[in-house]
Amino acid sequence: MTNLGRVTIMVITAFLTACTEQNVREEEVETHPSAVTESLEMPASAVPTWKIGDTWHYSDGYGLKVSTIQGEDTTFQRLDTPNDWLMRRGLFKVRSKQGDTYREVVYRTKDPAELFPLVVGKQVVFSEEYLRAGELVRHNTSWTVEGQETIQVPAGTFNCWVLVMRTRGVQSDWTGSERWWYNPEVKHYVRLEYRYGTEPAGARVLMDYNVK
């Protein structure tokens, strides 16, 4: 093979490699939307401190009321289905009961609370597992502080941190995502967009709330 032929092959190979790398980068951008860039006068938010009796009502009928607080764990009773409840440590769910299903989550590799204090661009990645109908389920999960945004909902107008959760099953192709518009004074999200597996995407907005 002549030197010219070798050079030609090298150029073609480099071009194809660059195209492949560009496709990977484009796919990554598509699965990781750009952050909201609006700059607001918002301090880095600390983990919320709830009080017994705090309540939130949402547009789809979903409602929560703080029923008990034990150390770092806060239990919320569902107002729309009073026999159901969930427990959070900070913003992150650790136990829940919905219908006949009970879940207890164990966080591995990293504490999701490392997301706080909130700073735009910050991310925490960890693995988690829980028992579902006697079966151990493992997920790889990330939370990202995507940006800041002011939004208007029936409960009012709020400056929010935009927090994005993405999760994927380790033993399956199941994926889920949540996007929170979180306001520190409300101590909860004022808007939520979510999708779990093959279920239709959903959303809810805050109708009214009462926090102490």
N, C-alpha and C. Protein backbone atom coordinates (compact mmCIF):
# COMPACT_ATOMS: atom_id res chain seq x y z
N MET A 1 0.86 -1.20 0.00
CA MET A 1 0.00 0.00 0.00
C MET A 1 0.89 1.24 0.00
N THR A 2 0.54 2.24 -0.79
CA THR A 2 1.33 3.46 -0.86
C THR A 2 1.09 4.31 0.37
N ASN A 3 2.02 5.26 0.61
CA ASN A 3 1.85 6.18 1.74
C ASN A 3 0.57 6.97 1.60
N LEU A 4 0.21 7.36 0.35
CA LEU A 4 -1.02 8.11 0.13
C LEU A 4 -2.23 7.29 0.55
N GLY A 5 -2.22 5.98 0.27
CA GLY A 5 -3.34 5.12 0.66
C GLY A 5 -3.47 5.03 2.16
N ARG A 6 -2.31 4.88 2.84
CA ARG A 6 -2.34 4.80 4.31
C ARG A 6 -2.91 6.07 4.91
N VAL A 7 -2.48 7.21 4.40
CA VAL A 7 -2.97 8.49 4.91
C VAL A 7 -4.47 8.62 4.69
N THR A 8 -4.94 8.19 3.51
CA THR A 8 -6.37 8.27 3.21
C THR A 8 -7.19 7.44 4.18
N ILE A 9 -6.73 6.21 4.48
CA ILE A 9 -7.44 5.33 5.42
C ILE A 9 -7.46 5.95 6.82
N MET A 10 -6.32 6.53 7.23
CA MET A 10 -6.24 7.16 8.56
C MET A 10 -7.23 8.31 8.66
N VAL A 11 -7.36 9.12 7.62
CA VAL A 11 -8.28 10.26 7.64
C VAL A 11 -9.72 9.79 7.74
N ILE A 12 -10.07 8.74 6.96
CA ILE A 12 -11.43 8.22 6.98
C ILE A 12 -11.76 7.65 8.35
N THR A 13 -10.81 6.89 8.94
CA THR A 13 -11.03 6.30 10.26
C THR A 13 -11.25 7.39 11.31
N ALA A 14 -10.43 8.43 11.29
CA ALA A 14 -10.57 9.53 12.26
C ALA A 14 -11.92 10.21 12.10
N PHE A 15 -12.36 10.38 10.84
CA PHE A 15 -13.66 11.02 10.59
C PHE A 15 -14.80 10.20 11.17
N LEU A 16 -14.79 8.86 10.93
CA LEU A 16 -15.85 7.99 11.44
C LEU A 16 -15.85 7.97 12.96
N THR A 17 -14.67 7.95 13.56
CA THR A 17 -14.58 7.96 15.03
C THR A 17 -15.18 9.23 15.59
N ALA A 18 -14.87 10.37 14.98
CA ALA A 18 -15.41 11.65 15.45
C ALA A 18 -16.91 11.68 15.34
N CYS A 19 -17.45 11.11 14.24
CA CYS A 19 -18.90 11.08 14.07
C CYS A 19 -19.56 10.23 15.14
N THR A 20 -18.94 9.08 15.46
CA THR A 20 -19.50 8.20 16.50
C THR A 20 -19.51 8.90 17.84
N GLU A 21 -18.40 9.57 18.19
CA GLU A 21 -18.33 10.29 19.46
C GLU A 21 -19.36 11.41 19.51
N GLN A 22 -19.58 12.09 18.39
CA GLN A 22 -20.57 13.16 18.35
C GLN A 22 -21.96 12.62 18.59
N ASN A 23 -22.28 11.43 18.00
CA ASN A 23 -23.59 10.81 18.20
C ASN A 23 -23.81 10.48 19.67
N VAL A 24 -22.77 9.97 20.35
CA VAL A 24 -22.89 9.65 21.78
C VAL A 24 -23.18 10.90 22.57
N ARG A 25 -22.46 11.98 22.26
CA ARG A 25 -22.66 13.23 22.99
C ARG A 25 -24.07 13.76 22.77
N GLU A 26 -24.59 13.65 21.52
CA GLU A 26 -25.94 14.14 21.24
C GLU A 26 -26.97 13.33 22.00
N GLU A 27 -26.76 11.99 22.11
CA GLU A 27 -27.69 11.15 22.86
C GLU A 27 -27.68 11.53 24.33
N GLU A 28 -26.48 11.84 24.87
CA GLU A 28 -26.38 12.23 26.27
C GLU A 28 -27.12 13.54 26.51
N VAL A 29 -27.01 14.48 25.57
CA VAL A 29 -27.71 15.75 25.72
C VAL A 29 -29.22 15.53 25.71
N GLU A 30 -29.70 14.63 24.85
CA GLU A 30 -31.13 14.37 24.75
C GLU A 30 -31.69 13.78 26.04
N THR A 31 -30.91 12.97 26.75
CA THR A 31 -31.40 12.34 27.98
C THR A 31 -31.10 13.17 29.22
N HIS A 32 -30.37 14.26 29.05
CA HIS A 32 -30.07 15.16 30.17
C HIS A 32 -30.39 16.58 29.74
N PRO A 33 -31.66 17.01 29.86
CA PRO A 33 -32.07 18.32 29.36
C PRO A 33 -31.25 19.46 29.95
N SER A 34 -31.17 20.55 29.21
CA SER A 34 -30.44 21.72 29.68
C SER A 34 -31.08 22.29 30.94
N ALA A 35 -30.24 22.81 31.79
CA ALA A 35 -30.73 23.39 33.03
C ALA A 35 -31.46 24.69 32.78
N VAL A 36 -32.42 25.01 33.66
CA VAL A 36 -33.08 26.30 33.64
C VAL A 36 -32.06 27.33 34.09
N THR A 37 -31.87 28.39 33.33
CA THR A 37 -30.76 29.30 33.58
C THR A 37 -31.18 30.60 34.25
N GLU A 38 -32.48 30.74 34.53
CA GLU A 38 -32.93 31.98 35.16
C GLU A 38 -32.22 32.16 36.49
N SER A 39 -31.68 33.35 36.74
CA SER A 39 -30.95 33.63 37.97
C SER A 39 -31.87 34.35 38.95
N LEU A 40 -32.08 33.75 40.11
CA LEU A 40 -32.96 34.30 41.13
C LEU A 40 -32.18 34.59 42.40
N GLU A 41 -32.69 35.52 43.18
CA GLU A 41 -32.08 35.81 44.48
C GLU A 41 -32.56 34.76 45.48
N MET A 42 -31.95 33.60 45.42
CA MET A 42 -32.33 32.50 46.30
C MET A 42 -31.10 31.96 47.00
N PRO A 43 -31.11 31.91 48.33
CA PRO A 43 -29.98 31.32 49.05
C PRO A 43 -29.93 29.82 48.82
N ALA A 44 -28.75 29.22 49.01
CA ALA A 44 -28.64 27.77 48.92
C ALA A 44 -29.55 27.15 49.98
N SER A 45 -30.51 26.35 49.52
CA SER A 45 -31.56 25.86 50.40
C SER A 45 -31.06 24.72 51.28
N ALA A 46 -31.49 24.74 52.53
CA ALA A 46 -31.18 23.67 53.47
C ALA A 46 -32.30 22.63 53.43
N VAL A 47 -32.04 21.48 54.04
CA VAL A 47 -33.04 20.42 54.14
C VAL A 47 -34.28 21.00 54.84
N PRO A 48 -35.48 20.73 54.35
CA PRO A 48 -36.69 21.31 54.96
C PRO A 48 -36.91 20.81 56.38
N THR A 49 -37.44 21.70 57.21
CA THR A 49 -37.81 21.35 58.58
C THR A 49 -39.31 21.42 58.69
N TRP A 50 -39.96 20.25 58.77
CA TRP A 50 -41.41 20.20 58.81
C TRP A 50 -41.93 20.25 60.24
N LYS A 51 -43.22 20.59 60.36
CA LYS A 51 -43.90 20.61 61.65
C LYS A 51 -45.15 19.73 61.56
N ILE A 52 -45.51 19.11 62.67
CA ILE A 52 -46.72 18.30 62.69
C ILE A 52 -47.92 19.18 62.34
N GLY A 53 -48.73 18.74 61.41
CA GLY A 53 -49.89 19.50 60.97
C GLY A 53 -49.69 20.23 59.66
N ASP A 54 -48.45 20.34 59.16
CA ASP A 54 -48.21 20.95 57.84
C ASP A 54 -49.00 20.17 56.79
N THR A 55 -49.64 20.88 55.85
CA THR A 55 -50.47 20.22 54.84
C THR A 55 -50.24 20.81 53.46
N TRP A 56 -50.47 19.97 52.43
CA TRP A 56 -50.37 20.37 51.02
C TRP A 56 -51.48 19.68 50.25
N HIS A 57 -52.18 20.43 49.37
CA HIS A 57 -53.22 19.86 48.51
C HIS A 57 -52.86 20.16 47.06
N TYR A 58 -53.03 19.15 46.18
CA TYR A 58 -52.61 19.28 44.79
C TYR A 58 -53.79 19.10 43.83
N SER A 59 -53.53 19.46 42.58
CA SER A 59 -54.59 19.55 41.57
C SER A 59 -55.23 18.21 41.22
N ASP A 60 -54.51 17.11 41.41
CA ASP A 60 -55.07 15.79 41.08
C ASP A 60 -55.72 15.12 42.27
N GLY A 61 -55.92 15.87 43.37
CA GLY A 61 -56.53 15.31 44.56
C GLY A 61 -55.52 14.81 45.58
N TYR A 62 -54.28 14.66 45.17
CA TYR A 62 -53.22 14.19 46.07
C TYR A 62 -53.04 15.18 47.20
N GLY A 63 -52.95 14.67 48.43
CA GLY A 63 -52.77 15.54 49.57
C GLY A 63 -51.91 14.88 50.63
N LEU A 64 -51.17 15.70 51.39
CA LEU A 64 -50.27 15.22 52.43
C LEU A 64 -50.44 16.03 53.70
N LYS A 65 -50.27 15.36 54.83
CA LYS A 65 -50.26 16.03 56.13
C LYS A 65 -49.18 15.39 57.00
N VAL A 66 -48.34 16.22 57.62
CA VAL A 66 -47.31 15.69 58.52
C VAL A 66 -47.98 15.15 59.77
N SER A 67 -47.78 13.85 60.03
CA SER A 67 -48.43 13.20 61.17
C SER A 67 -47.47 12.95 62.33
N THR A 68 -46.24 12.54 62.04
CA THR A 68 -45.26 12.29 63.11
C THR A 68 -43.88 12.70 62.64
N ILE A 69 -43.03 13.04 63.60
CA ILE A 69 -41.63 13.36 63.33
C ILE A 69 -40.79 12.62 64.36
N GLN A 70 -39.86 11.80 63.88
CA GLN A 70 -38.97 11.04 64.75
C GLN A 70 -37.54 11.24 64.27
N GLY A 71 -36.81 12.11 64.98
CA GLY A 71 -35.45 12.41 64.56
C GLY A 71 -35.44 13.02 63.17
N GLU A 72 -34.69 12.40 62.24
CA GLU A 72 -34.60 12.92 60.87
C GLU A 72 -35.74 12.45 59.98
N ASP A 73 -36.60 11.56 60.50
CA ASP A 73 -37.65 10.95 59.68
C ASP A 73 -39.00 11.61 59.94
N THR A 74 -39.66 12.01 58.86
CA THR A 74 -40.97 12.65 58.94
C THR A 74 -41.99 11.79 58.19
N THR A 75 -43.11 11.49 58.86
CA THR A 75 -44.16 10.68 58.25
C THR A 75 -45.30 11.57 57.78
N PHE A 76 -45.72 11.36 56.52
CA PHE A 76 -46.80 12.11 55.91
C PHE A 76 -47.98 11.17 55.70
N GLN A 77 -49.14 11.54 56.21
CA GLN A 77 -50.36 10.79 55.92
C GLN A 77 -50.94 11.29 54.62
N ARG A 78 -51.39 10.38 53.78
CA ARG A 78 -52.07 10.76 52.55
C ARG A 78 -53.48 11.21 52.89
N LEU A 79 -53.85 12.41 52.48
CA LEU A 79 -55.18 12.94 52.76
C LEU A 79 -56.22 12.40 51.80
N ASP A 80 -55.79 12.03 50.58
CA ASP A 80 -56.73 11.49 49.61
C ASP A 80 -56.99 10.00 49.83
N THR A 81 -56.03 9.30 50.41
CA THR A 81 -56.19 7.87 50.76
C THR A 81 -55.63 7.71 52.17
N PRO A 82 -56.42 7.99 53.21
CA PRO A 82 -55.93 8.12 54.58
C PRO A 82 -55.23 6.89 55.16
N ASN A 83 -55.44 5.72 54.58
CA ASN A 83 -54.74 4.54 55.08
C ASN A 83 -53.32 4.41 54.54
N ASP A 84 -52.97 5.30 53.61
CA ASP A 84 -51.63 5.27 53.02
C ASP A 84 -50.76 6.35 53.66
N TRP A 85 -49.46 6.11 53.65
CA TRP A 85 -48.52 7.07 54.23
C TRP A 85 -47.15 6.90 53.58
N LEU A 86 -46.30 7.88 53.78
CA LEU A 86 -44.92 7.78 53.34
C LEU A 86 -44.03 8.49 54.34
N MET A 87 -42.81 8.04 54.44
CA MET A 87 -41.83 8.64 55.35
C MET A 87 -40.66 9.15 54.54
N ARG A 88 -40.26 10.38 54.82
CA ARG A 88 -39.11 10.97 54.14
C ARG A 88 -38.03 11.34 55.14
N ARG A 89 -36.81 11.19 54.70
CA ARG A 89 -35.64 11.71 55.43
C ARG A 89 -35.09 12.83 54.57
N GLY A 90 -35.39 14.07 54.97
CA GLY A 90 -35.19 15.16 54.03
C GLY A 90 -36.22 15.01 52.92
N LEU A 91 -35.81 15.21 51.69
CA LEU A 91 -36.74 15.06 50.57
C LEU A 91 -36.87 13.62 50.10
N PHE A 92 -36.10 12.70 50.68
CA PHE A 92 -35.95 11.39 50.09
C PHE A 92 -36.74 10.33 50.85
N LYS A 93 -37.55 9.59 50.09
CA LYS A 93 -38.45 8.59 50.67
C LYS A 93 -37.65 7.41 51.23
N VAL A 94 -37.99 7.01 52.48
CA VAL A 94 -37.32 5.86 53.08
C VAL A 94 -38.30 4.71 53.38
N ARG A 95 -39.57 5.03 53.59
CA ARG A 95 -40.58 4.00 53.78
C ARG A 95 -41.90 4.50 53.21
N SER A 96 -42.76 3.56 52.85
CA SER A 96 -44.08 3.95 52.37
C SER A 96 -45.04 2.77 52.45
N LYS A 97 -46.32 3.09 52.55
CA LYS A 97 -47.38 2.09 52.45
C LYS A 97 -48.45 2.65 51.53
N GLN A 98 -48.74 1.91 50.46
CA GLN A 98 -49.78 2.29 49.51
C GLN A 98 -50.62 1.05 49.22
N GLY A 99 -51.87 1.09 49.67
CA GLY A 99 -52.70 -0.10 49.55
C GLY A 99 -52.11 -1.21 50.39
N ASP A 100 -51.88 -2.37 49.77
CA ASP A 100 -51.27 -3.50 50.47
C ASP A 100 -49.76 -3.57 50.29
N THR A 101 -49.19 -2.56 49.63
CA THR A 101 -47.76 -2.59 49.32
C THR A 101 -46.97 -1.74 50.31
N TYR A 102 -46.01 -2.38 50.98
CA TYR A 102 -45.11 -1.69 51.91
C TYR A 102 -43.70 -1.73 51.33
N ARG A 103 -43.02 -0.59 51.38
CA ARG A 103 -41.65 -0.54 50.88
C ARG A 103 -40.75 0.12 51.91
N GLU A 104 -39.55 -0.39 52.00
CA GLU A 104 -38.52 0.23 52.82
C GLU A 104 -37.26 0.33 51.97
N VAL A 105 -36.77 1.53 51.80
CA VAL A 105 -35.67 1.79 50.89
C VAL A 105 -34.36 1.84 51.66
N VAL A 106 -33.34 1.21 51.10
CA VAL A 106 -31.98 1.29 51.65
C VAL A 106 -31.11 1.96 50.60
N TYR A 107 -30.44 3.04 50.98
CA TYR A 107 -29.57 3.77 50.06
C TYR A 107 -28.14 3.25 50.21
N ARG A 108 -27.55 2.89 49.08
CA ARG A 108 -26.20 2.38 49.05
C ARG A 108 -25.26 3.39 48.40
N THR A 109 -24.00 3.20 48.60
CA THR A 109 -22.89 3.93 47.97
C THR A 109 -22.81 5.40 48.37
N LYS A 110 -23.97 6.08 48.49
CA LYS A 110 -23.93 7.51 48.81
C LYS A 110 -25.24 7.92 49.45
N ASP A 111 -25.18 8.91 50.34
CA ASP A 111 -26.38 9.45 50.98
C ASP A 111 -26.98 10.52 50.06
N PRO A 112 -28.24 10.34 49.62
CA PRO A 112 -28.82 11.35 48.71
C PRO A 112 -28.90 12.74 49.33
N ALA A 113 -28.86 12.82 50.67
CA ALA A 113 -28.91 14.13 51.33
C ALA A 113 -27.70 14.99 50.99
N GLU A 114 -26.68 14.40 50.36
CA GLU A 114 -25.52 15.19 49.93
C GLU A 114 -25.89 16.20 48.84
N LEU A 115 -27.12 16.09 48.33
CA LEU A 115 -27.59 17.09 47.36
C LEU A 115 -27.69 18.47 48.01
N PHE A 116 -27.86 18.52 49.33
CA PHE A 116 -27.97 19.78 50.07
C PHE A 116 -26.61 20.20 50.60
N PRO A 117 -26.37 21.55 50.70
CA PRO A 117 -27.25 22.65 50.26
C PRO A 117 -27.33 22.71 48.74
N LEU A 118 -28.46 23.20 48.24
CA LEU A 118 -28.72 23.21 46.81
C LEU A 118 -27.87 24.27 46.11
N VAL A 119 -27.24 23.86 45.04
CA VAL A 119 -26.44 24.75 44.18
C VAL A 119 -26.69 24.29 42.75
N VAL A 120 -26.95 25.22 41.84
CA VAL A 120 -27.25 24.86 40.46
C VAL A 120 -26.09 24.04 39.88
N GLY A 121 -26.44 22.92 39.26
CA GLY A 121 -25.46 22.04 38.66
C GLY A 121 -25.00 20.90 39.56
N LYS A 122 -25.36 20.96 40.83
CA LYS A 122 -24.93 19.91 41.77
C LYS A 122 -25.69 18.61 41.49
N GLN A 123 -25.01 17.48 41.67
CA GLN A 123 -25.64 16.18 41.42
C GLN A 123 -25.15 15.16 42.44
N VAL A 124 -26.03 14.26 42.82
CA VAL A 124 -25.65 13.13 43.66
C VAL A 124 -26.15 11.86 42.98
N VAL A 125 -25.28 10.86 42.88
CA VAL A 125 -25.58 9.59 42.22
C VAL A 125 -25.37 8.47 43.21
N PHE A 126 -26.33 7.53 43.28
CA PHE A 126 -26.24 6.47 44.27
C PHE A 126 -27.04 5.26 43.80
N SER A 127 -26.88 4.15 44.49
CA SER A 127 -27.71 2.98 44.26
C SER A 127 -28.65 2.83 45.44
N GLU A 128 -29.82 2.26 45.18
CA GLU A 128 -30.81 2.03 46.22
C GLU A 128 -31.49 0.69 45.97
N GLU A 129 -32.05 0.13 47.04
CA GLU A 129 -32.75 -1.14 46.89
C GLU A 129 -33.92 -1.20 47.87
N TYR A 130 -34.93 -1.99 47.51
CA TYR A 130 -36.09 -2.17 48.38
C TYR A 130 -36.75 -3.51 48.05
N LEU A 131 -37.55 -3.99 48.99
CA LEU A 131 -38.30 -5.22 48.78
C LEU A 131 -39.67 -4.89 48.21
N ARG A 132 -40.06 -5.58 47.14
CA ARG A 132 -41.38 -5.42 46.54
C ARG A 132 -41.97 -6.81 46.33
N ALA A 133 -43.04 -7.09 47.10
CA ALA A 133 -43.67 -8.41 47.04
C ALA A 133 -42.65 -9.52 47.25
N GLY A 134 -41.74 -9.30 48.21
CA GLY A 134 -40.74 -10.29 48.54
C GLY A 134 -39.56 -10.34 47.60
N GLU A 135 -39.56 -9.50 46.57
CA GLU A 135 -38.47 -9.47 45.59
C GLU A 135 -37.59 -8.25 45.82
N LEU A 136 -36.28 -8.47 45.85
CA LEU A 136 -35.35 -7.37 46.03
C LEU A 136 -35.17 -6.63 44.71
N VAL A 137 -35.42 -5.34 44.74
CA VAL A 137 -35.32 -4.49 43.55
C VAL A 137 -34.16 -3.52 43.75
N ARG A 138 -33.31 -3.41 42.75
CA ARG A 138 -32.17 -2.50 42.82
C ARG A 138 -32.27 -1.46 41.71
N HIS A 139 -31.96 -0.21 42.07
CA HIS A 139 -31.97 0.88 41.10
C HIS A 139 -30.68 1.68 41.21
N ASN A 140 -30.26 2.26 40.10
CA ASN A 140 -29.24 3.30 40.09
C ASN A 140 -29.97 4.63 39.87
N THR A 141 -29.70 5.59 40.73
CA THR A 141 -30.51 6.81 40.78
C THR A 141 -29.62 8.05 40.86
N SER A 142 -30.10 9.13 40.27
CA SER A 142 -29.41 10.42 40.40
C SER A 142 -30.42 11.52 40.69
N TRP A 143 -29.99 12.50 41.46
CA TRP A 143 -30.73 13.75 41.65
C TRP A 143 -29.81 14.88 41.21
N THR A 144 -30.38 15.81 40.45
CA THR A 144 -29.60 16.93 39.91
C THR A 144 -30.33 18.24 40.19
N VAL A 145 -29.58 19.25 40.63
CA VAL A 145 -30.13 20.61 40.75
C VAL A 145 -30.00 21.24 39.37
N GLU A 146 -31.12 21.22 38.63
CA GLU A 146 -31.06 21.62 37.22
C GLU A 146 -31.06 23.13 37.03
N GLY A 147 -31.64 23.88 37.96
CA GLY A 147 -31.66 25.32 37.81
C GLY A 147 -32.64 25.97 38.76
N GLN A 148 -33.02 27.20 38.43
CA GLN A 148 -33.98 27.97 39.20
C GLN A 148 -35.03 28.52 38.24
N GLU A 149 -36.25 28.64 38.74
CA GLU A 149 -37.32 29.14 37.88
C GLU A 149 -38.45 29.69 38.75
N THR A 150 -39.08 30.75 38.28
CA THR A 150 -40.28 31.29 38.92
C THR A 150 -41.50 30.75 38.19
N ILE A 151 -42.42 30.12 38.92
CA ILE A 151 -43.63 29.59 38.28
C ILE A 151 -44.86 30.04 39.07
N GLN A 152 -45.99 30.08 38.37
CA GLN A 152 -47.26 30.46 38.96
C GLN A 152 -48.18 29.25 38.94
N VAL A 153 -48.76 28.93 40.11
CA VAL A 153 -49.72 27.83 40.27
C VAL A 153 -50.90 28.38 41.06
N PRO A 154 -51.99 27.62 41.20
CA PRO A 154 -53.14 28.14 41.94
C PRO A 154 -52.82 28.63 43.35
N ALA A 155 -51.80 28.04 43.99
CA ALA A 155 -51.46 28.46 45.36
C ALA A 155 -50.67 29.76 45.40
N GLY A 156 -50.18 30.23 44.24
CA GLY A 156 -49.43 31.48 44.22
C GLY A 156 -48.28 31.43 43.23
N THR A 157 -47.40 32.43 43.32
CA THR A 157 -46.21 32.52 42.48
C THR A 157 -44.99 32.27 43.35
N PHE A 158 -44.11 31.38 42.90
CA PHE A 158 -43.01 30.93 43.75
C PHE A 158 -41.70 30.88 42.97
N ASN A 159 -40.63 31.30 43.64
CA ASN A 159 -39.28 31.07 43.14
C ASN A 159 -38.87 29.65 43.55
N CYS A 160 -38.45 28.86 42.58
CA CYS A 160 -38.24 27.43 42.83
C CYS A 160 -36.85 26.97 42.41
N TRP A 161 -36.38 25.96 43.11
CA TRP A 161 -35.27 25.14 42.65
C TRP A 161 -35.85 24.03 41.79
N VAL A 162 -35.27 23.80 40.62
CA VAL A 162 -35.71 22.72 39.75
C VAL A 162 -34.81 21.51 40.00
N LEU A 163 -35.40 20.47 40.59
CA LEU A 163 -34.67 19.26 40.97
C LEU A 163 -35.15 18.11 40.09
N VAL A 164 -34.22 17.34 39.54
CA VAL A 164 -34.57 16.26 38.63
C VAL A 164 -34.03 14.94 39.17
N MET A 165 -34.94 13.97 39.29
CA MET A 165 -34.57 12.61 39.68
C MET A 165 -34.70 11.69 38.48
N ARG A 166 -33.67 10.88 38.24
CA ARG A 166 -33.72 9.85 37.21
C ARG A 166 -33.28 8.53 37.84
N THR A 167 -34.00 7.46 37.52
CA THR A 167 -33.66 6.17 38.09
C THR A 167 -33.85 5.06 37.06
N ARG A 168 -33.04 4.01 37.18
CA ARG A 168 -33.09 2.89 36.23
C ARG A 168 -32.87 1.59 37.00
N GLY A 169 -33.66 0.57 36.65
CA GLY A 169 -33.50 -0.72 37.29
C GLY A 169 -32.18 -1.38 36.92
N VAL A 170 -31.55 -2.04 37.90
CA VAL A 170 -30.30 -2.75 37.64
C VAL A 170 -30.56 -4.06 36.92
N GLN A 171 -31.65 -4.75 37.30
CA GLN A 171 -31.96 -6.05 36.70
C GLN A 171 -32.95 -5.96 35.54
N SER A 172 -33.37 -4.75 35.19
CA SER A 172 -34.36 -4.59 34.13
C SER A 172 -34.13 -3.26 33.40
N ASP A 173 -34.96 -3.01 32.37
CA ASP A 173 -34.86 -1.76 31.63
C ASP A 173 -35.82 -0.70 32.17
N TRP A 174 -36.43 -0.97 33.34
CA TRP A 174 -37.39 -0.03 33.91
C TRP A 174 -36.70 1.30 34.22
N THR A 175 -37.36 2.39 33.86
CA THR A 175 -36.83 3.72 34.18
C THR A 175 -37.94 4.57 34.78
N GLY A 176 -37.55 5.55 35.56
CA GLY A 176 -38.50 6.50 36.12
C GLY A 176 -37.84 7.86 36.24
N SER A 177 -38.67 8.90 36.29
CA SER A 177 -38.13 10.25 36.43
C SER A 177 -39.14 11.15 37.13
N GLU A 178 -38.62 12.12 37.85
CA GLU A 178 -39.43 13.16 38.47
C GLU A 178 -38.73 14.49 38.28
N ARG A 179 -39.50 15.53 38.04
CA ARG A 179 -38.97 16.89 38.01
C ARG A 179 -39.76 17.71 39.02
N TRP A 180 -39.06 18.19 40.05
CA TRP A 180 -39.67 18.97 41.13
C TRP A 180 -39.39 20.45 40.91
N TRP A 181 -40.42 21.28 41.12
CA TRP A 181 -40.23 22.71 41.33
C TRP A 181 -40.39 22.91 42.83
N TYR A 182 -39.27 22.95 43.51
CA TYR A 182 -39.25 22.92 44.98
C TYR A 182 -39.05 24.32 45.53
N ASN A 183 -39.93 24.72 46.46
CA ASN A 183 -39.82 26.03 47.11
C ASN A 183 -39.53 25.82 48.59
N PRO A 184 -38.44 26.39 49.12
CA PRO A 184 -38.07 26.17 50.51
C PRO A 184 -39.10 26.66 51.52
N GLU A 185 -39.82 27.74 51.19
CA GLU A 185 -40.82 28.24 52.13
C GLU A 185 -42.05 27.35 52.17
N VAL A 186 -42.41 26.78 51.03
CA VAL A 186 -43.53 25.83 50.97
C VAL A 186 -43.11 24.50 51.59
N LYS A 187 -41.79 24.21 51.58
CA LYS A 187 -41.22 22.99 52.13
C LYS A 187 -41.60 21.75 51.33
N HIS A 188 -41.98 21.95 50.09
CA HIS A 188 -42.36 20.84 49.23
C HIS A 188 -42.37 21.33 47.80
N TYR A 189 -42.70 20.45 46.86
CA TYR A 189 -42.78 20.90 45.47
C TYR A 189 -44.10 21.65 45.24
N VAL A 190 -44.02 22.66 44.37
CA VAL A 190 -45.24 23.37 43.98
C VAL A 190 -45.71 22.88 42.61
N ARG A 191 -44.83 22.18 41.91
CA ARG A 191 -45.20 21.47 40.68
C ARG A 191 -44.36 20.21 40.60
N LEU A 192 -44.96 19.14 40.10
CA LEU A 192 -44.25 17.88 39.90
C LEU A 192 -44.64 17.30 38.55
N GLU A 193 -43.64 16.91 37.77
CA GLU A 193 -43.86 16.15 36.54
C GLU A 193 -43.18 14.80 36.74
N TYR A 194 -43.86 13.72 36.34
CA TYR A 194 -43.30 12.40 36.64
C TYR A 194 -43.66 11.41 35.54
N ARG A 195 -42.84 10.37 35.48
CA ARG A 195 -43.13 9.23 34.61
C ARG A 195 -42.45 8.00 35.21
N TYR A 196 -43.21 6.90 35.33
CA TYR A 196 -42.69 5.67 35.90
C TYR A 196 -42.93 4.53 34.92
N GLY A 197 -41.86 3.94 34.44
CA GLY A 197 -41.98 2.81 33.53
C GLY A 197 -42.76 3.17 32.27
N THR A 198 -43.70 2.28 31.91
CA THR A 198 -44.51 2.48 30.71
C THR A 198 -45.82 3.22 30.99
N GLU A 199 -46.02 3.64 32.24
CA GLU A 199 -47.24 4.38 32.58
C GLU A 199 -47.21 5.75 31.92
N PRO A 200 -48.40 6.33 31.64
CA PRO A 200 -48.42 7.67 31.04
C PRO A 200 -47.77 8.70 31.97
N ALA A 201 -47.16 9.70 31.37
CA ALA A 201 -46.58 10.79 32.15
C ALA A 201 -47.69 11.54 32.89
N GLY A 202 -47.36 12.10 34.05
CA GLY A 202 -48.34 12.83 34.84
C GLY A 202 -47.75 14.09 35.42
N ALA A 203 -48.61 14.93 35.99
CA ALA A 203 -48.18 16.18 36.60
C ALA A 203 -49.21 16.61 37.63
N ARG A 204 -48.75 17.38 38.61
CA ARG A 204 -49.67 17.98 39.58
C ARG A 204 -49.10 19.32 40.01
N VAL A 205 -49.99 20.24 40.40
CA VAL A 205 -49.56 21.55 40.89
C VAL A 205 -50.24 21.83 42.22
N LEU A 206 -49.62 22.68 42.99
CA LEU A 206 -50.09 23.00 44.34
C LEU A 206 -51.32 23.89 44.30
N MET A 207 -52.38 23.47 44.99
CA MET A 207 -53.62 24.25 45.06
C MET A 207 -53.62 25.15 46.29
N ASP A 208 -53.26 24.58 47.44
CA ASP A 208 -53.15 25.36 48.68
C ASP A 208 -52.27 24.58 49.65
N TYR A 209 -51.79 25.27 50.68
CA TYR A 209 -50.91 24.63 51.66
C TYR A 209 -50.97 25.40 52.98
N ASN A 210 -50.51 24.78 54.03
CA ASN A 210 -50.45 25.40 55.34
C ASN A 210 -49.25 24.84 56.08
N VAL A 211 -48.19 25.65 56.23
CA VAL A 211 -47.00 25.21 56.93
C VAL A 211 -46.72 26.18 58.08
N LYS A 212 -46.12 25.66 59.13
CA LYS A 212 -45.87 26.45 60.34
C LYS A 212 -44.44 26.98 60.38
